[in-house]
């Protein structure tokens, strides 16, 4: 069964003498047929690990939240880990990867707990 995937981003700043808002919504161009949602803790501090894609073989979008501690993400891992995205504790990132996705804690000796939702085929 195919599903329609959309992401909504809403930000509102009150105060500073004015109200500012940013609203963005977009849909994925490919039809989503599979998804994975998971809640995990990094197995070993200071060691990158691959994101568990479940049964999704082609990833269209990842939405990930750092629950405890800060995390970095390499959205296109090849042979050397390169932190391309920083997600602070309590914050969320949405991105389309361009290869193998690996995560790692951002601060030494901490293990990050995170949850994620993957859309794909």
Protein backbone atom coordinates (compact mmCIF):
# COMPACT_ATOMS: atom_id res chain seq x y z
CA UNK A 1 0.00 0.00 0.00
CA UNK A 2 1.41 3.40 -0.96
CA UNK A 3 1.31 6.36 1.37
CA UNK A 4 1.69 10.09 0.93
CA UNK A 5 4.58 11.60 2.89
CA UNK A 6 4.71 15.21 3.97
CA UNK A 7 6.82 17.20 6.40
CA UNK A 8 5.60 20.33 8.17
CA UNK A 9 7.95 22.78 9.84
CA UNK A 10 6.51 25.51 12.04
CA UNK A 11 8.55 28.06 13.98
CA UNK A 12 7.13 31.01 15.93
CA UNK A 13 9.02 33.72 17.75
CA UNK A 14 7.06 35.94 20.11
CA UNK A 15 8.51 39.03 21.70
CA UNK A 16 11.29 41.33 20.57
CA UNK A 17 8.57 43.80 19.68
CA UNK A 18 7.07 41.70 16.91
CA UNK A 19 5.83 38.27 15.98
CA UNK A 20 7.78 36.27 13.41
CA UNK A 21 6.81 32.94 11.92
CA UNK A 22 8.21 30.48 9.43
CA UNK A 23 6.00 27.77 8.02
CA UNK A 24 7.12 25.28 5.40
CA UNK A 25 5.42 22.18 4.13
CA UNK A 26 6.55 19.83 1.41
CA UNK A 27 5.68 16.41 0.06
CA UNK A 28 8.08 13.77 -1.15
CA UNK A 29 8.18 13.26 -4.90
CA UNK A 30 8.39 9.45 -4.68
CA UNK A 31 5.53 7.36 -3.33
CA UNK A 32 6.32 5.98 0.13
CA UNK A 33 5.65 2.25 0.47
CA UNK A 34 7.66 1.48 3.62
CA UNK A 35 8.58 3.18 6.87
CA UNK A 36 10.53 2.49 10.04
CA UNK A 37 10.15 4.18 13.41
CA UNK A 38 12.50 3.40 16.27
CA UNK A 39 13.79 4.61 19.63
CA UNK A 40 17.42 3.72 20.35
CA UNK A 41 20.43 4.45 22.50
CA UNK A 42 23.88 4.56 20.94
CA UNK A 43 25.60 1.24 21.73
CA UNK A 44 29.12 2.58 22.44
CA UNK A 45 30.09 6.19 23.20
CA UNK A 46 32.47 7.87 20.73
CA UNK A 47 31.78 5.20 18.11
CA UNK A 48 29.67 5.85 15.03
CA UNK A 49 26.92 3.40 14.22
CA UNK A 50 24.71 2.85 11.21
CA UNK A 51 21.10 3.92 11.45
CA UNK A 52 18.80 0.88 11.45
CA UNK A 53 16.70 1.24 8.29
CA UNK A 54 14.42 -1.70 9.07
CA UNK A 55 12.91 -3.00 5.82
CA UNK A 56 13.39 0.31 3.95
CA UNK A 57 15.92 -0.18 1.15
CA UNK A 58 15.61 3.22 -0.59
CA UNK A 59 15.40 6.10 1.90
CA UNK A 60 13.53 9.23 0.81
CA UNK A 61 13.43 11.14 4.11
CA UNK A 62 14.65 10.78 7.70
CA UNK A 63 13.26 12.71 10.66
CA UNK A 64 15.41 12.25 13.78
CA UNK A 65 15.31 13.68 17.31
CA UNK A 66 18.07 13.67 19.92
CA UNK A 67 16.32 12.70 23.18
CA UNK A 68 19.33 12.77 25.50
CA UNK A 69 22.66 14.39 24.67
CA UNK A 70 23.74 15.98 21.37
CA UNK A 71 24.40 13.93 18.26
CA UNK A 72 26.09 14.28 14.90
CA UNK A 73 25.00 12.59 11.68
CA UNK A 74 26.97 11.62 8.61
CA UNK A 75 24.27 11.41 5.89
CA UNK A 76 26.67 10.04 3.26
CA UNK A 77 29.19 7.79 5.03
CA UNK A 78 31.76 6.12 2.81
CA UNK A 79 34.94 5.14 4.69
CA UNK A 80 35.54 8.02 7.15
CA UNK A 81 32.93 9.50 9.48
CA UNK A 82 32.22 13.16 8.70
CA UNK A 83 29.69 14.96 10.89
CA UNK A 84 27.46 16.78 8.43
CA UNK A 85 24.48 17.47 10.70
CA UNK A 86 24.46 18.45 14.39
CA UNK A 87 21.30 17.74 16.38
CA UNK A 88 21.23 19.25 19.87
CA UNK A 89 19.44 17.46 22.71
CA UNK A 90 15.68 17.94 22.32
CA UNK A 91 15.99 19.14 18.71
CA UNK A 92 14.85 17.53 15.47
CA UNK A 93 16.44 17.29 12.02
CA UNK A 94 14.82 16.24 8.74
CA UNK A 95 17.00 15.34 5.76
CA UNK A 96 17.35 13.18 2.67
CA UNK A 97 20.50 11.05 2.88
CA UNK A 98 22.84 10.48 -0.03
CA UNK A 99 24.33 7.19 1.15
CA UNK A 100 24.82 5.16 4.31
CA UNK A 101 23.67 7.11 7.40
CA UNK A 102 25.73 6.89 10.57
CA UNK A 103 25.22 8.64 13.91
CA UNK A 104 27.59 9.48 16.75
CA UNK A 105 27.49 11.37 20.03
CA UNK A 106 28.65 14.99 19.80
CA UNK A 107 30.23 15.22 23.26
CA UNK A 108 32.98 12.91 24.45
CA UNK A 109 32.02 9.83 26.46
CA UNK A 110 28.24 10.39 26.17
CA UNK A 111 25.81 8.00 24.55
CA UNK A 112 22.98 9.66 22.66
CA UNK A 113 19.41 8.39 22.89
CA UNK A 114 17.41 9.19 19.79
CA UNK A 115 14.21 8.40 17.96
CA UNK A 116 13.67 8.47 14.24
CA UNK A 117 11.16 7.98 11.45
CA UNK A 118 12.27 6.83 8.01
CA UNK A 119 10.14 7.15 4.86
CA UNK A 120 11.07 5.20 1.78
CA UNK A 121 10.56 2.28 -0.52
